[in-house]
Amino acid sequence: MNVREAIRFLESFVDMERDPGASKSPPMNLASMRSLLKRLGDPQRGRGTVHVTGTNGKGSVSAMVEGILRAGGERTALFTSPHLHSYGERI
């Protein structure tokens, strides 16, 4: 599979953000997320984590927060999904 084929494959999936009728699953809420985390053994405990959510601007905000923390001497890692700079990040 080359890059062009990979991009075509990725774009074949339903864009859940743009198709409001795409998902028939029940809506996510805080209680269901807490229940899932508990079943997974609460992996979030004991980790300093910044989780950025929302409709727009997540990548920019995440990059800024990561830069500020790193400049302040913190050890950081940044994970963005599906991509921040290019389609190649999805692959």
PDB file of N, CA and C in Angstrom:
ATOM      1  N   MET A   1       0.860  -1.177   0.000  1.00  0.00           N
ATOM      2  CA  MET A   1       0.000   0.000   0.000  1.00  0.00           C
ATOM      3  C   MET A   1       0.900   1.233   0.000  1.00  0.00           C
ATOM      4  N   ASN A   2       0.651   2.145  -0.935  1.00  0.00           N
ATOM      5  CA  ASN A   2       1.419   3.389  -0.947  1.00  0.00           C
ATOM      6  C   ASN A   2       0.646   4.478  -0.205  1.00  0.00           C
ATOM      7  N   VAL A   3       1.243   5.658  -0.096  1.00  0.00           N
ATOM      8  CA  VAL A   3       0.622   6.744   0.679  1.00  0.00           C
ATOM      9  C   VAL A   3      -0.720   7.140   0.092  1.00  0.00           C
ATOM     10  N   ARG A   4      -0.806   7.248  -1.224  1.00  0.00           N
ATOM     11  CA  ARG A   4      -2.063   7.650  -1.864  1.00  0.00           C
ATOM     12  C   ARG A   4      -3.181   6.646  -1.557  1.00  0.00           C
ATOM     13  N   GLU A   5      -2.857   5.358  -1.627  1.00  0.00           N
ATOM     14  CA  GLU A   5      -3.837   4.310  -1.311  1.00  0.00           C
ATOM     15  C   GLU A   5      -4.224   4.348   0.165  1.00  0.00           C
ATOM     16  N   ALA A   6      -3.256   4.621   1.027  1.00  0.00           N
ATOM     17  CA  ALA A   6      -3.537   4.702   2.462  1.00  0.00           C
ATOM     18  C   ALA A   6      -4.475   5.859   2.766  1.00  0.00           C
ATOM     19  N   ILE A   7      -4.239   7.005   2.135  1.00  0.00           N
ATOM     20  CA  ILE A   7      -5.114   8.166   2.344  1.00  0.00           C
ATOM     21  C   ILE A   7      -6.521   7.852   1.853  1.00  0.00           C
ATOM     22  N   ARG A   8      -6.644   7.241   0.684  1.00  0.00           N
ATOM     23  CA  ARG A   8      -7.958   6.861   0.153  1.00  0.00           C
ATOM     24  C   ARG A   8      -8.671   5.915   1.119  1.00  0.00           C
ATOM     25  N   PHE A   9      -7.927   4.952   1.679  1.00  0.00           N
ATOM     26  CA  PHE A   9      -8.495   4.011   2.647  1.00  0.00           C
ATOM     27  C   PHE A   9      -9.001   4.750   3.885  1.00  0.00           C
ATOM     28  N   LEU A  10      -8.177   5.646   4.427  1.00  0.00           N
ATOM     29  CA  LEU A  10      -8.575   6.380   5.631  1.00  0.00           C
ATOM     30  C   LEU A  10      -9.789   7.258   5.378  1.00  0.00           C
ATOM     31  N   GLU A  11      -9.853   7.865   4.204  1.00  0.00           N
ATOM     32  CA  GLU A  11     -10.983   8.734   3.881  1.00  0.00           C
ATOM     33  C   GLU A  11     -12.254   7.955   3.571  1.00  0.00           C
ATOM     34  N   SER A  12     -12.167   6.632   3.452  1.00  0.00           N
ATOM     35  CA  SER A  12     -13.359   5.828   3.180  1.00  0.00           C
ATOM     36  C   SER A  12     -14.219   5.629   4.427  1.00  0.00           C
ATOM     37  N   PHE A  13     -13.670   5.923   5.597  1.00  0.00           N
ATOM     38  CA  PHE A  13     -14.422   5.756   6.839  1.00  0.00           C
ATOM     39  C   PHE A  13     -15.376   6.927   7.056  1.00  0.00           C
ATOM     40  N   VAL A  14     -16.443   6.692   7.780  1.00  0.00           N
ATOM     41  CA  VAL A  14     -17.414   7.733   8.096  1.00  0.00           C
ATOM     42  C   VAL A  14     -16.764   8.744   9.030  1.00  0.00           C
ATOM     43  N   ASP A  15     -16.943  10.020   8.732  1.00  0.00           N
ATOM     44  CA  ASP A  15     -16.433  11.091   9.593  1.00  0.00           C
ATOM     45  C   ASP A  15     -17.474  11.338  10.683  1.00  0.00           C
ATOM     46  N   MET A  16     -17.233  10.780  11.858  1.00  0.00           N
ATOM     47  CA  MET A  16     -18.203  10.848  12.954  1.00  0.00           C
ATOM     48  C   MET A  16     -18.470  12.283  13.407  1.00  0.00           C
ATOM     49  N   GLU A  17     -17.517  13.201  13.189  1.00  0.00           N
ATOM     50  CA  GLU A  17     -17.723  14.591  13.585  1.00  0.00           C
ATOM     51  C   GLU A  17     -18.659  15.317  12.635  1.00  0.00           C
ATOM     52  N   ARG A  18     -18.669  14.910  11.370  1.00  0.00           N
ATOM     53  CA  ARG A  18     -19.452  15.640  10.374  1.00  0.00           C
ATOM     54  C   ARG A  18     -20.769  14.973  10.013  1.00  0.00           C
ATOM     55  N   ASP A  19     -20.967  13.734  10.418  1.00  0.00           N
ATOM     56  CA  ASP A  19     -22.195  13.009  10.100  1.00  0.00           C
ATOM     57  C   ASP A  19     -22.934  12.701  11.397  1.00  0.00           C
ATOM     58  N   PRO A  20     -23.880  13.583  11.798  1.00  0.00           N
ATOM     59  CA  PRO A  20     -24.540  13.405  13.090  1.00  0.00           C
ATOM     60  C   PRO A  20     -25.316  12.098  13.220  1.00  0.00           C
ATOM     61  N   GLY A  21     -25.717  11.491  12.113  1.00  0.00           N
ATOM     62  CA  GLY A  21     -26.464  10.244  12.185  1.00  0.00           C
ATOM     63  C   GLY A  21     -25.579   9.017  12.049  1.00  0.00           C
ATOM     64  N   ALA A  22     -24.266   9.209  12.048  1.00  0.00           N
ATOM     65  CA  ALA A  22     -23.339   8.099  11.795  1.00  0.00           C
ATOM     66  C   ALA A  22     -23.303   7.084  12.926  1.00  0.00           C
ATOM     67  N   SER A  23     -23.481   7.525  14.135  1.00  0.00           N
ATOM     68  CA  SER A  23     -23.339   6.619  15.273  1.00  0.00           C
ATOM     69  C   SER A  23     -24.690   6.334  15.905  1.00  0.00           C
ATOM     70  N   LYS A  24     -24.978   5.068  16.061  1.00  0.00           N
ATOM     71  CA  LYS A  24     -26.223   4.663  16.724  1.00  0.00           C
ATOM     72  C   LYS A  24     -25.962   4.255  18.170  1.00  0.00           C
ATOM     73  N   SER A  25     -24.710   4.379  18.609  1.00  0.00           N
ATOM     74  CA  SER A  25     -24.377   3.990  19.982  1.00  0.00           C
ATOM     75  C   SER A  25     -24.879   5.044  20.963  1.00  0.00           C
ATOM     76  N   PRO A  26     -25.091   4.654  22.223  1.00  0.00           N
ATOM     77  CA  PRO A  26     -25.571   5.619  23.210  1.00  0.00           C
ATOM     78  C   PRO A  26     -24.537   6.721  23.426  1.00  0.00           C
ATOM     79  N   PRO A  27     -24.989   7.909  23.789  1.00  0.00           N
ATOM     80  CA  PRO A  27     -24.053   9.019  23.990  1.00  0.00           C
ATOM     81  C   PRO A  27     -23.108   8.747  25.162  1.00  0.00           C
ATOM     82  N   MET A  28     -21.903   9.244  25.041  1.00  0.00           N
ATOM     83  CA  MET A  28     -20.925   9.106  26.115  1.00  0.00           C
ATOM     84  C   MET A  28     -21.173  10.200  27.149  1.00  0.00           C
ATOM     85  N   ASN A  29     -20.966   9.856  28.402  1.00  0.00           N
ATOM     86  CA  ASN A  29     -21.076  10.852  29.458  1.00  0.00           C
ATOM     87  C   ASN A  29     -20.055  10.520  30.541  1.00  0.00           C
ATOM     88  N   LEU A  30     -19.950  11.375  31.533  1.00  0.00           N
ATOM     89  CA  LEU A  30     -18.943  11.199  32.571  1.00  0.00           C
ATOM     90  C   LEU A  30     -19.114   9.883  33.321  1.00  0.00           C
ATOM     91  N   ALA A  31     -20.345   9.509  33.626  1.00  0.00           N
ATOM     92  CA  ALA A  31     -20.589   8.266  34.368  1.00  0.00           C
ATOM     93  C   ALA A  31     -20.125   7.040  33.573  1.00  0.00           C
ATOM     94  N   SER A  32     -20.410   7.020  32.271  1.00  0.00           N
ATOM     95  CA  SER A  32     -19.995   5.865  31.470  1.00  0.00           C
ATOM     96  C   SER A  32     -18.474   5.818  31.321  1.00  0.00           C
ATOM     97  N   MET A  33     -17.823   6.977  31.223  1.00  0.00           N
ATOM     98  CA  MET A  33     -16.356   7.014  31.136  1.00  0.00           C
ATOM     99  C   MET A  33     -15.716   6.534  32.438  1.00  0.00           C
ATOM    100  N   ARG A  34     -16.272   6.967  33.561  1.00  0.00           N
ATOM    101  CA  ARG A  34     -15.745   6.520  34.863  1.00  0.00           C
ATOM    102  C   ARG A  34     -15.909   5.010  35.024  1.00  0.00           C
ATOM    103  N   SER A  35     -17.034   4.493  34.579  1.00  0.00           N
ATOM    104  CA  SER A  35     -17.283   3.055  34.655  1.00  0.00           C
ATOM    105  C   SER A  35     -16.274   2.287  33.801  1.00  0.00           C
ATOM    106  N   LEU A  36     -16.021   2.776  32.596  1.00  0.00           N
ATOM    107  CA  LEU A  36     -15.046   2.134  31.719  1.00  0.00           C
ATOM    108  C   LEU A  36     -13.652   2.161  32.345  1.00  0.00           C
ATOM    109  N   LEU A  37     -13.236   3.315  32.853  1.00  0.00           N
ATOM    110  CA  LEU A  37     -11.915   3.429  33.479  1.00  0.00           C
ATOM    111  C   LEU A  37     -11.779   2.492  34.672  1.00  0.00           C
ATOM    112  N   LYS A  38     -12.851   2.368  35.448  1.00  0.00           N
ATOM    113  CA  LYS A  38     -12.816   1.460  36.599  1.00  0.00           C
ATOM    114  C   LYS A  38     -12.616   0.020  36.135  1.00  0.00           C
ATOM    115  N   ARG A  39     -13.350  -0.394  35.086  1.00  0.00           N
ATOM    116  CA  ARG A  39     -13.206  -1.755  34.554  1.00  0.00           C
ATOM    117  C   ARG A  39     -11.801  -2.002  34.000  1.00  0.00           C
ATOM    118  N   LEU A  40     -11.144  -0.933  33.554  1.00  0.00           N
ATOM    119  CA  LEU A  40      -9.783  -1.050  33.019  1.00  0.00           C
ATOM    120  C   LEU A  40      -8.717  -0.941  34.105  1.00  0.00           C
ATOM    121  N   GLY A  41      -9.148  -0.817  35.359  1.00  0.00           N
ATOM    122  CA  GLY A  41      -8.190  -0.733  36.461  1.00  0.00           C
ATOM    123  C   GLY A  41      -7.725   0.677  36.756  1.00  0.00           C
ATOM    124  N   ASP A  42      -8.495   1.666  36.361  1.00  0.00           N
ATOM    125  CA  ASP A  42      -8.176   3.079  36.582  1.00  0.00           C
ATOM    126  C   ASP A  42      -6.752   3.432  36.154  1.00  0.00           C
ATOM    127  N   PRO A  43      -6.414   3.211  34.875  1.00  0.00           N
ATOM    128  CA  PRO A  43      -5.047   3.469  34.414  1.00  0.00           C
ATOM    129  C   PRO A  43      -4.642   4.940  34.474  1.00  0.00           C
ATOM    130  N   GLN A  44      -5.598   5.838  34.608  1.00  0.00           N
ATOM    131  CA  GLN A  44      -5.303   7.267  34.638  1.00  0.00           C
ATOM    132  C   GLN A  44      -4.754   7.735  35.980  1.00  0.00           C
ATOM    133  N   ARG A  45      -4.936   6.944  37.024  1.00  0.00           N
ATOM    134  CA  ARG A  45      -4.480   7.357  38.356  1.00  0.00           C
ATOM    135  C   ARG A  45      -2.954   7.336  38.425  1.00  0.00           C
ATOM    136  N   GLY A  46      -2.397   8.331  39.084  1.00  0.00           N
ATOM    137  CA  GLY A  46      -0.955   8.389  39.252  1.00  0.00           C
ATOM    138  C   GLY A  46      -0.206   8.983  38.069  1.00  0.00           C
ATOM    139  N   ARG A  47      -0.921   9.498  37.099  1.00  0.00           N
ATOM    140  CA  ARG A  47      -0.284  10.120  35.939  1.00  0.00           C
ATOM    141  C   ARG A  47      -0.714  11.576  35.852  1.00  0.00           C
ATOM    142  N   GLY A  48       0.248  12.441  35.617  1.00  0.00           N
ATOM    143  CA  GLY A  48      -0.079  13.839  35.341  1.00  0.00           C
ATOM    144  C   GLY A  48      -0.479  13.949  33.882  1.00  0.00           C
ATOM    145  N   THR A  49      -1.740  14.196  33.633  1.00  0.00           N
ATOM    146  CA  THR A  49      -2.247  14.171  32.263  1.00  0.00           C
ATOM    147  C   THR A  49      -3.085  15.403  31.977  1.00  0.00           C
ATOM    148  N   VAL A  50      -2.914  15.954  30.797  1.00  0.00           N
ATOM    149  CA  VAL A  50      -3.797  17.006  30.298  1.00  0.00           C
ATOM    150  C   VAL A  50      -4.532  16.395  29.116  1.00  0.00           C
ATOM    151  N   HIS A  51      -5.846  16.320  29.208  1.00  0.00           N
ATOM    152  CA  HIS A  51      -6.666  15.741  28.140  1.00  0.00           C
ATOM    153  C   HIS A  51      -7.492  16.877  27.557  1.00  0.00           C
ATOM    154  N   VAL A  52      -7.235  17.229  26.311  1.00  0.00           N
ATOM    155  CA  VAL A  52      -7.912  18.349  25.661  1.00  0.00           C
ATOM    156  C   VAL A  52      -9.029  17.802  24.782  1.00  0.00           C
ATOM    157  N   THR A  53     -10.249  18.300  24.997  1.00  0.00           N
ATOM    158  CA  THR A  53     -11.390  17.860  24.196  1.00  0.00           C
ATOM    159  C   THR A  53     -12.109  19.070  23.627  1.00  0.00           C
ATOM    160  N   GLY A  54     -13.037  18.821  22.755  1.00  0.00           N
ATOM    161  CA  GLY A  54     -13.822  19.904  22.181  1.00  0.00           C
ATOM    162  C   GLY A  54     -13.978  19.706  20.686  1.00  0.00           C
ATOM    163  N   THR A  55     -14.590  20.677  20.042  1.00  0.00           N
ATOM    164  CA  THR A  55     -14.869  20.573  18.620  1.00  0.00           C
ATOM    165  C   THR A  55     -13.713  21.077  17.768  1.00  0.00           C
ATOM    166  N   ASN A  56     -13.197  22.247  18.079  1.00  0.00           N
ATOM    167  CA  ASN A  56     -12.132  22.853  17.278  1.00  0.00           C
ATOM    168  C   ASN A  56     -10.989  23.331  18.164  1.00  0.00           C
ATOM    169  N   GLY A  57      -9.784  23.343  17.616  1.00  0.00           N
ATOM    170  CA  GLY A  57      -8.635  23.914  18.306  1.00  0.00           C
ATOM    171  C   GLY A  57      -7.876  22.980  19.221  1.00  0.00           C
ATOM    172  N   LYS A  58      -8.243  21.703  19.246  1.00  0.00           N
ATOM    173  CA  LYS A  58      -7.582  20.762  20.164  1.00  0.00           C
ATOM    174  C   LYS A  58      -6.095  20.621  19.867  1.00  0.00           C
ATOM    175  N   GLY A  59      -5.737  20.516  18.600  1.00  0.00           N
ATOM    176  CA  GLY A  59      -4.335  20.349  18.233  1.00  0.00           C
ATOM    177  C   GLY A  59      -3.498  21.546  18.619  1.00  0.00           C
ATOM    178  N   SER A  60      -4.017  22.746  18.351  1.00  0.00           N
ATOM    179  CA  SER A  60      -3.283  23.969  18.689  1.00  0.00           C
ATOM    180  C   SER A  60      -3.120  24.112  20.193  1.00  0.00           C
ATOM    181  N   VAL A  61      -4.200  23.904  20.929  1.00  0.00           N
ATOM    182  CA  VAL A  61      -4.145  24.017  22.389  1.00  0.00           C
ATOM    183  C   VAL A  61      -3.193  22.977  22.963  1.00  0.00           C
ATOM    184  N   SER A  62      -3.264  21.757  22.461  1.00  0.00           N
ATOM    185  CA  SER A  62      -2.386  20.692  22.950  1.00  0.00           C
ATOM    186  C   SER A  62      -0.923  21.032  22.711  1.00  0.00           C
ATOM    187  N   ALA A  63      -0.610  21.528  21.520  1.00  0.00           N
ATOM    188  CA  ALA A  63       0.772  21.891  21.200  1.00  0.00           C
ATOM    189  C   ALA A  63       1.257  23.030  22.094  1.00  0.00           C
ATOM    190  N   MET A  64       0.392  24.008  22.350  1.00  0.00           N
ATOM    191  CA  MET A  64       0.783  25.127  23.220  1.00  0.00           C
ATOM    192  C   MET A  64       1.008  24.663  24.655  1.00  0.00           C
ATOM    193  N   VAL A  65       0.103  23.858  25.186  1.00  0.00           N
ATOM    194  CA  VAL A  65       0.241  23.364  26.563  1.00  0.00           C
ATOM    195  C   VAL A  65       1.506  22.525  26.697  1.00  0.00           C
ATOM    196  N   GLU A  66       1.752  21.661  25.716  1.00  0.00           N
ATOM    197  CA  GLU A  66       2.952  20.827  25.750  1.00  0.00           C
ATOM    198  C   GLU A  66       4.204  21.693  25.728  1.00  0.00           C
ATOM    199  N   GLY A  67       4.219  22.728  24.903  1.00  0.00           N
ATOM    200  CA  GLY A  67       5.365  23.630  24.830  1.00  0.00           C
ATOM    201  C   GLY A  67       5.599  24.385  26.125  1.00  0.00           C
ATOM    202  N   ILE A  68       4.524  24.844  26.745  1.00  0.00           N
ATOM    203  CA  ILE A  68       4.630  25.570  28.017  1.00  0.00           C
ATOM    204  C   ILE A  68       5.180  24.657  29.106  1.00  0.00           C
ATOM    205  N   LEU A  69       4.641  23.453  29.203  1.00  0.00           N
ATOM    206  CA  LEU A  69       5.109  22.511  30.227  1.00  0.00           C
ATOM    207  C   LEU A  69       6.571  22.131  30.004  1.00  0.00           C
ATOM    208  N   ARG A  70       6.934  21.882  28.758  1.00  0.00           N
ATOM    209  CA  ARG A  70       8.323  21.515  28.448  1.00  0.00           C
ATOM    210  C   ARG A  70       9.267  22.673  28.766  1.00  0.00           C
ATOM    211  N   ALA A  71       8.867  23.890  28.409  1.00  0.00           N
ATOM    212  CA  ALA A  71       9.694  25.065  28.711  1.00  0.00           C
ATOM    213  C   ALA A  71       9.850  25.252  30.216  1.00  0.00           C
ATOM    214  N   GLY A  72       8.866  24.789  30.973  1.00  0.00           N
ATOM    215  CA  GLY A  72       8.916  24.873  32.432  1.00  0.00           C
ATOM    216  C   GLY A  72       9.686  23.730  33.069  1.00  0.00           C
ATOM    217  N   GLY A  73      10.293  22.882  32.247  1.00  0.00           N
ATOM    218  CA  GLY A  73      11.116  21.806  32.779  1.00  0.00           C
ATOM    219  C   GLY A  73      10.410  20.484  32.986  1.00  0.00           C
ATOM    220  N   GLU A  74       9.149  20.401  32.596  1.00  0.00           N
ATOM    221  CA  GLU A  74       8.411  19.145  32.758  1.00  0.00           C
ATOM    222  C   GLU A  74       8.774  18.165  31.647  1.00  0.00           C
ATOM    223  N   ARG A  75       8.713  16.895  31.961  1.00  0.00           N
ATOM    224  CA  ARG A  75       8.886  15.846  30.960  1.00  0.00           C
ATOM    225  C   ARG A  75       7.528  15.656  30.294  1.00  0.00           C
ATOM    226  N   THR A  76       7.476  15.754  28.985  1.00  0.00           N
ATOM    227  CA  THR A  76       6.189  15.732  28.291  1.00  0.00           C
ATOM    228  C   THR A  76       6.159  14.706  27.165  1.00  0.00           C
ATOM    229  N   ALA A  77       4.950  14.371  26.782  1.00  0.00           N
ATOM    230  CA  ALA A  77       4.682  13.589  25.573  1.00  0.00           C
ATOM    231  C   ALA A  77       3.386  14.141  25.006  1.00  0.00           C
ATOM    232  N   LEU A  78       3.293  14.209  23.699  1.00  0.00           N
ATOM    233  CA  LEU A  78       2.092  14.733  23.056  1.00  0.00           C
ATOM    234  C   LEU A  78       1.577  13.700  22.070  1.00  0.00           C
ATOM    235  N   PHE A  79       0.321  13.307  22.236  1.00  0.00           N
ATOM    236  CA  PHE A  79      -0.332  12.383  21.313  1.00  0.00           C
ATOM    237  C   PHE A  79      -1.535  13.094  20.734  1.00  0.00           C
ATOM    238  N   THR A  80      -1.594  13.194  19.422  1.00  0.00           N
ATOM    239  CA  THR A  80      -2.751  13.790  18.755  1.00  0.00           C
ATOM    240  C   THR A  80      -3.317  12.772  17.782  1.00  0.00           C
ATOM    241  N   SER A  81      -4.613  12.809  17.608  1.00  0.00           N
ATOM    242  CA  SER A  81      -5.264  11.867  16.726  1.00  0.00           C
ATOM    243  C   SER A  81      -6.454  12.551  16.071  1.00  0.00           C
ATOM    244  N   PRO A  82      -6.742  12.344  14.808  1.00  0.00           N
ATOM    245  CA  PRO A  82      -6.023  11.457  13.917  1.00  0.00           C
ATOM    246  C   PRO A  82      -4.741  12.059  13.349  1.00  0.00           C
ATOM    247  N   HIS A  83      -4.676  13.375  13.130  1.00  0.00           N
ATOM    248  CA  HIS A  83      -3.436  13.961  12.637  1.00  0.00           C
ATOM    249  C   HIS A  83      -3.391  15.439  13.001  1.00  0.00           C
ATOM    250  N   LEU A  84      -2.169  15.952  13.118  1.00  0.00           N
ATOM    251  CA  LEU A  84      -1.987  17.357  13.453  1.00  0.00           C
ATOM    252  C   LEU A  84      -1.379  18.114  12.282  1.00  0.00           C
ATOM    253  N   HIS A  85      -0.388  17.527  11.638  1.00  0.00           N
ATOM    254  CA  HIS A  85       0.316  18.227  10.561  1.00  0.00           C
ATOM    255  C   HIS A  85       0.026  17.667   9.170  1.00  0.00           C
ATOM    256  N   SER A  86      -0.070  16.342   9.048  1.00  0.00           N
ATOM    257  CA  SER A  86      -0.255  15.752   7.718  1.00  0.00           C
ATOM    258  C   SER A  86      -0.971  14.405   7.823  1.00  0.00           C
ATOM    259  N   TYR A  87      -1.499  13.937   6.681  1.00  0.00           N
ATOM    260  CA  TYR A  87      -2.167  12.637   6.657  1.00  0.00           C
ATOM    261  C   TYR A  87      -1.225  11.519   7.055  1.00  0.00           C
ATOM    262  N   GLY A  88       0.072  11.688   6.804  1.00  0.00           N
ATOM    263  CA  GLY A  88       1.037  10.654   7.144  1.00  0.00           C
ATOM    264  C   GLY A  88       1.022  10.289   8.612  1.00  0.00           C
ATOM    265  N   GLU A  89       0.575  11.205   9.467  1.00  0.00           N
ATOM    266  CA  GLU A  89       0.502  10.927  10.899  1.00  0.00           C
ATOM    267  C   GLU A  89      -0.588   9.912  11.215  1.00  0.00           C
ATOM    268  N   ARG A  90      -1.558   9.732  10.328  1.00  0.00           N
ATOM    269  CA  ARG A  90      -2.635   8.766  10.551  1.00  0.00           C
ATOM    270  C   ARG A  90      -2.167   7.346  10.300  1.00  0.00           C
ATOM    271  N   ILE A  91      -1.138   7.195   9.504  1.00  0.00           N
ATOM    272  CA  ILE A  91      -0.710   5.875   9.041  1.00  0.00           C
ATOM    273  C   ILE A  91       0.196   5.222  10.058  1.00  0.00           C
TER     274      ILE A  91
END
